[in-house]
Protein backbone atom coordinates (compact mmCIF):
# COMPACT_ATOMS: atom_id res chain seq x y z
CA GLN A 1 2.18 45.93 -57.00
CA VAL A 2 3.75 44.80 -53.73
CA SER A 3 0.40 43.16 -52.54
CA ALA A 4 0.41 41.17 -55.81
CA GLY A 5 3.58 39.63 -55.19
CA LEU A 6 5.34 41.44 -58.27
CA ASP A 7 8.28 42.16 -55.98
CA GLN A 8 8.81 38.47 -55.38
CA CYS A 9 8.77 37.14 -59.21
CA SER A 10 10.96 34.27 -59.98
CA LYS A 11 13.71 35.16 -62.61
CA GLU A 12 11.36 33.40 -65.17
CA GLU A 13 8.40 35.39 -64.25
CA PHE A 14 10.53 38.55 -64.21
CA ASN A 15 11.94 37.93 -67.74
CA GLU A 16 8.50 36.95 -69.16
CA PHE A 17 7.11 40.18 -67.70
CA ARG A 18 9.86 41.86 -69.68
CA LYS A 19 9.15 39.86 -72.73
CA LEU A 20 5.52 40.62 -72.85
CA ASN A 21 6.03 44.49 -71.94
CA TYR A 22 8.42 44.59 -74.92
CA ALA A 23 5.77 42.85 -77.23
CA TYR A 24 2.94 44.98 -75.85
CA LYS A 25 4.63 48.23 -77.20
CA LYS A 26 3.06 47.25 -80.45
CA PHE A 27 0.16 48.96 -79.13
CA GLY A 28 1.71 52.59 -78.48
CA PHE A 29 0.65 52.68 -75.02
CA PRO A 30 1.58 50.86 -71.73
CA PHE A 31 0.06 47.93 -70.18
CA ILE A 32 -2.70 48.96 -68.08
CA LEU A 33 -4.40 46.53 -65.32
CA ALA A 34 -6.19 47.48 -62.24
CA ILE A 35 -4.52 44.94 -59.98
CA LYS A 36 -6.15 45.23 -56.65
CA GLY A 37 -7.01 41.78 -55.23
CA LYS A 38 -4.98 40.18 -58.10
CA THR A 39 -2.09 37.73 -57.53
CA LYS A 40 0.89 37.84 -60.09
CA ILE A 41 -0.14 34.94 -61.73
CA GLU A 42 -3.35 36.42 -62.48
CA ILE A 43 -1.72 39.51 -63.79
CA LEU A 44 0.75 37.46 -65.62
CA ASN A 45 -2.02 35.60 -67.37
CA ASN A 46 -4.17 38.68 -68.12
CA PHE A 47 -0.95 40.08 -69.98
CA ARG A 48 -0.33 37.04 -72.17
CA LYS A 49 -4.03 37.23 -73.12
CA ARG A 50 -4.23 40.93 -73.66
CA VAL A 51 -0.66 41.24 -75.64
CA ALA A 52 -2.36 38.85 -78.55
CA SER A 53 -5.32 41.05 -78.55
CA GLU A 54 -6.35 43.48 -81.58
CA PRO A 55 -5.13 47.02 -81.03
CA LYS A 56 -8.96 48.37 -81.03
CA ILE A 57 -9.93 45.83 -78.83
CA GLU A 58 -6.96 46.37 -76.51
CA PHE A 59 -7.15 50.10 -76.63
CA GLU A 60 -11.11 49.47 -75.28
CA GLU A 61 -9.86 47.39 -72.53
CA ALA A 62 -7.09 49.73 -71.39
CA ILE A 63 -9.50 52.62 -71.21
CA LYS A 64 -11.78 50.07 -68.83
CA GLN A 65 -8.95 49.51 -66.78
CA VAL A 66 -8.09 53.33 -66.10
CA LYS A 67 -11.82 53.76 -65.34
CA LYS A 68 -11.68 50.80 -62.82
CA ILE A 69 -8.27 52.28 -61.04
CA GLY A 70 -9.81 55.50 -61.04
CA ILE A 71 -12.98 54.40 -59.52
CA GLN A 72 -10.67 52.28 -56.92
CA ARG A 73 -8.65 55.41 -55.87
CA LEU A 74 -12.00 57.58 -55.46
CA ASP A 75 -13.73 54.78 -53.45
CA LEU A 76 -10.47 54.95 -51.26
CA LEU A 77 -10.61 58.50 -50.87
CA ASN A 78 -14.29 58.28 -49.85
CA LYS A 79 -13.48 55.75 -47.23
CA LYS A 80 -11.10 57.93 -45.89
CA PHE A 81 -12.40 61.12 -45.75
CA PHE A 82 -16.24 59.96 -45.42
């Protein structure tokens, strides 16, 4: 998250993230996004788009993101040990 600049949000960006996070609770699971290589603006734009999504579509997207995160972490381990 630091690499994406999320630790350097302006007050307005931080407040928007909080509002989007609150609105996203309607789905019943946390916002999940593989952020490697993304900027905070890309993350914010993704959040804006996905919070307006239909529950079934968003659940499928969240699963895709979990898989992507898992693949990224396995790839990192593979590079570390092999």
